[in-house]
Amino acid sequence: MHTPTTVTSRDIQSDNFKAMSAAQLSRQEQLVMNAVRLGHARRRRDLTNNEICLLMEEQLGRRVSANQISGRITSLVAGRHLARGERRACTVTGGSALPVYAVARQVELIR
């Protein structure tokens, strides 16, 4: 007797996530960090998701949506590579947003 199984979108998302290697995840996070650093080099104190998307599009030469990078930004904030700033208006959409900025890291202490 065959029992039909239903596949939900959550199952598909889980399978897709498992298929991604750690190298791909770290590469995507690195692309976000590169865009944030470029923004800082251009004298931007902090960046919203949409502003990061524009910088990534400039670097990659292809369309990037805020939905594609929001998970990477969240994981970078959790890993303390990025920090959330004060709410402000986004220069792209004009809407209220929580921007992020790169956290300075001290590589080593010299005694």
C-alpha atoms as a PDB file:
ATOM      1  CA  MET A   1       0.000   0.000   0.000  1.00  0.00           C
ATOM      2  CA  HIS A   2       1.426   3.351  -1.072  1.00  0.00           C
ATOM      3  CA  THR A   3       0.882   6.342   1.187  1.00  0.00           C
ATOM      4  CA  PRO A   4       1.085   9.694  -0.603  1.00  0.00           C
ATOM      5  CA  THR A   5       3.320  12.281   0.971  1.00  0.00           C
ATOM      6  CA  THR A   6       2.769  15.974   0.771  1.00  0.00           C
ATOM      7  CA  VAL A   7       5.661  18.301   0.231  1.00  0.00           C
ATOM      8  CA  THR A   8       5.354  21.714   1.790  1.00  0.00           C
ATOM      9  CA  SER A   9       7.284  24.844   0.934  1.00  0.00           C
ATOM     10  CA  ARG A  10       9.014  24.513   4.302  1.00  0.00           C
ATOM     11  CA  ASP A  11      10.318  21.078   3.250  1.00  0.00           C
ATOM     12  CA  ILE A  12      11.635  22.522   0.005  1.00  0.00           C
ATOM     13  CA  GLN A  13      13.304  25.405   1.852  1.00  0.00           C
ATOM     14  CA  SER A  14      14.885  22.963   4.280  1.00  0.00           C
ATOM     15  CA  ASP A  15      16.193  20.806   1.437  1.00  0.00           C
ATOM     16  CA  ASN A  16      17.570  23.848  -0.371  1.00  0.00           C
ATOM     17  CA  PHE A  17      19.282  25.038   2.795  1.00  0.00           C
ATOM     18  CA  LYS A  18      20.863  21.620   3.371  1.00  0.00           C
ATOM     19  CA  ALA A  19      22.079  21.596  -0.231  1.00  0.00           C
ATOM     20  CA  MET A  20      23.998  24.812   0.299  1.00  0.00           C
ATOM     21  CA  SER A  21      27.495  24.215   1.488  1.00  0.00           C
ATOM     22  CA  ALA A  22      29.126  26.231   4.234  1.00  0.00           C
ATOM     23  CA  ALA A  23      31.408  27.746   1.608  1.00  0.00           C
ATOM     24  CA  GLN A  24      28.428  29.151  -0.312  1.00  0.00           C
ATOM     25  CA  LEU A  25      26.952  30.649   2.829  1.00  0.00           C
ATOM     26  CA  SER A  26      30.219  32.279   3.799  1.00  0.00           C
ATOM     27  CA  ARG A  27      30.682  33.531   0.227  1.00  0.00           C
ATOM     28  CA  GLN A  28      27.264  35.197   0.274  1.00  0.00           C
ATOM     29  CA  GLU A  29      28.019  36.761   3.642  1.00  0.00           C
ATOM     30  CA  GLN A  30      31.357  37.964   2.271  1.00  0.00           C
ATOM     31  CA  LEU A  31      29.580  39.629  -0.657  1.00  0.00           C
ATOM     32  CA  VAL A  32      27.367  41.513   1.801  1.00  0.00           C
ATOM     33  CA  MET A  33      30.394  42.533   3.885  1.00  0.00           C
ATOM     34  CA  ASN A  34      32.204  43.746   0.749  1.00  0.00           C
ATOM     35  CA  ALA A  35      29.227  45.949  -0.123  1.00  0.00           C
ATOM     36  CA  VAL A  36      29.069  47.366   3.422  1.00  0.00           C
ATOM     37  CA  ARG A  37      32.818  48.105   3.356  1.00  0.00           C
ATOM     38  CA  LEU A  38      32.417  49.824  -0.027  1.00  0.00           C
ATOM     39  CA  GLY A  39      29.654  51.949   1.472  1.00  0.00           C
ATOM     40  CA  HIS A  40      31.892  52.874   4.397  1.00  0.00           C
ATOM     41  CA  ALA A  41      34.706  53.767   1.969  1.00  0.00           C
ATOM     42  CA  ARG A  42      32.234  56.126   0.266  1.00  0.00           C
ATOM     43  CA  ARG A  43      31.620  57.844   3.597  1.00  0.00           C
ATOM     44  CA  ARG A  44      28.289  56.129   4.332  1.00  0.00           C
ATOM     45  CA  ARG A  45      27.958  55.681   8.077  1.00  0.00           C
ATOM     46  CA  ASP A  46      25.359  52.904   7.828  1.00  0.00           C
ATOM     47  CA  LEU A  47      23.385  51.143   5.110  1.00  0.00           C
ATOM     48  CA  THR A  48      19.870  49.763   4.762  1.00  0.00           C
ATOM     49  CA  ASN A  49      19.149  46.443   3.037  1.00  0.00           C
ATOM     50  CA  ASN A  50      18.140  48.226  -0.185  1.00  0.00           C
ATOM     51  CA  GLU A  51      21.244  50.409  -0.150  1.00  0.00           C
ATOM     52  CA  ILE A  52      23.385  47.282   0.271  1.00  0.00           C
ATOM     53  CA  CYS A  53      21.532  45.718  -2.682  1.00  0.00           C
ATOM     54  CA  LEU A  54      22.450  48.664  -4.918  1.00  0.00           C
ATOM     55  CA  LEU A  55      26.117  48.378  -3.964  1.00  0.00           C
ATOM     56  CA  MET A  56      26.073  44.619  -4.547  1.00  0.00           C
ATOM     57  CA  GLU A  57      24.429  45.127  -7.956  1.00  0.00           C
ATOM     58  CA  GLU A  58      27.206  47.557  -8.834  1.00  0.00           C
ATOM     59  CA  GLN A  59      29.872  45.048  -7.775  1.00  0.00           C
ATOM     60  CA  LEU A  60      28.278  41.918  -9.250  1.00  0.00           C
ATOM     61  CA  GLY A  61      26.708  43.365 -12.384  1.00  0.00           C
ATOM     62  CA  ARG A  62      23.387  41.626 -11.773  1.00  0.00           C
ATOM     63  CA  ARG A  63      20.108  42.263  -9.949  1.00  0.00           C
ATOM     64  CA  VAL A  64      20.056  41.605  -6.201  1.00  0.00           C
ATOM     65  CA  SER A  65      16.857  41.875  -4.142  1.00  0.00           C
ATOM     66  CA  ALA A  66      16.632  42.745  -0.464  1.00  0.00           C
ATOM     67  CA  ASN A  67      14.975  39.371   0.173  1.00  0.00           C
ATOM     68  CA  GLN A  68      18.060  37.559  -1.147  1.00  0.00           C
ATOM     69  CA  ILE A  69      20.381  39.194   1.374  1.00  0.00           C
ATOM     70  CA  SER A  70      18.229  39.779   4.460  1.00  0.00           C
ATOM     71  CA  GLY A  71      19.099  36.350   5.911  1.00  0.00           C
ATOM     72  CA  ARG A  72      22.804  36.969   5.363  1.00  0.00           C
ATOM     73  CA  ILE A  73      22.528  40.346   7.081  1.00  0.00           C
ATOM     74  CA  THR A  74      20.718  38.755  10.024  1.00  0.00           C
ATOM     75  CA  SER A  75      23.397  36.077  10.385  1.00  0.00           C
ATOM     76  CA  LEU A  76      26.172  38.706  10.167  1.00  0.00           C
ATOM     77  CA  VAL A  77      24.450  40.730  12.907  1.00  0.00           C
ATOM     78  CA  ALA A  78      24.152  37.573  15.029  1.00  0.00           C
ATOM     79  CA  GLY A  79      27.849  36.857  14.405  1.00  0.00           C
ATOM     80  CA  ARG A  80      28.689  40.433  15.457  1.00  0.00           C
ATOM     81  CA  HIS A  81      30.254  41.317  12.111  1.00  0.00           C
ATOM     82  CA  LEU A  82      27.513  43.899  11.584  1.00  0.00           C
ATOM     83  CA  ALA A  83      25.530  45.955  14.097  1.00  0.00           C
ATOM     84  CA  ARG A  84      22.161  47.693  13.783  1.00  0.00           C
ATOM     85  CA  GLY A  85      22.062  51.475  13.762  1.00  0.00           C
ATOM     86  CA  GLU A  86      19.259  53.866  14.630  1.00  0.00           C
ATOM     87  CA  ARG A  87      16.121  53.808  12.500  1.00  0.00           C
ATOM     88  CA  ARG A  88      16.236  56.262   9.585  1.00  0.00           C
ATOM     89  CA  ALA A  89      14.746  56.816   6.146  1.00  0.00           C
ATOM     90  CA  CYS A  90      16.162  54.637   3.374  1.00  0.00           C
ATOM     91  CA  THR A  91      17.666  56.661   0.496  1.00  0.00           C
ATOM     92  CA  VAL A  92      16.329  54.104  -2.014  1.00  0.00           C
ATOM     93  CA  THR A  93      12.726  53.598  -0.883  1.00  0.00           C
ATOM     94  CA  GLY A  94      12.178  56.548   1.437  1.00  0.00           C
ATOM     95  CA  GLY A  95      10.711  54.183   4.014  1.00  0.00           C
ATOM     96  CA  SER A  96      11.813  53.798   7.608  1.00  0.00           C
ATOM     97  CA  ALA A  97      14.541  51.164   8.017  1.00  0.00           C
ATOM     98  CA  LEU A  98      17.074  49.798  10.492  1.00  0.00           C
ATOM     99  CA  PRO A  99      20.481  50.234   8.852  1.00  0.00           C
ATOM    100  CA  VAL A 100      23.589  48.200   9.624  1.00  0.00           C
ATOM    101  CA  TYR A 101      27.256  49.074   9.851  1.00  0.00           C
ATOM    102  CA  ALA A 102      30.452  47.029  10.037  1.00  0.00           C
ATOM    103  CA  VAL A 103      31.813  46.435  13.514  1.00  0.00           C
ATOM    104  CA  ALA A 104      35.480  47.313  13.901  1.00  0.00           C
ATOM    105  CA  ARG A 105      37.589  44.374  15.016  1.00  0.00           C
ATOM    106  CA  GLN A 106      40.927  44.464  16.740  1.00  0.00           C
ATOM    107  CA  VAL A 107      43.062  41.793  15.126  1.00  0.00           C
ATOM    108  CA  GLU A 108      45.622  41.312  17.865  1.00  0.00           C
ATOM    109  CA  LEU A 109      46.893  42.960  21.001  1.00  0.00           C
ATOM    110  CA  ILE A 110      50.482  44.070  21.089  1.00  0.00           C
ATOM    111  CA  ARG A 111      52.125  44.138  24.500  1.00  0.00           C
END
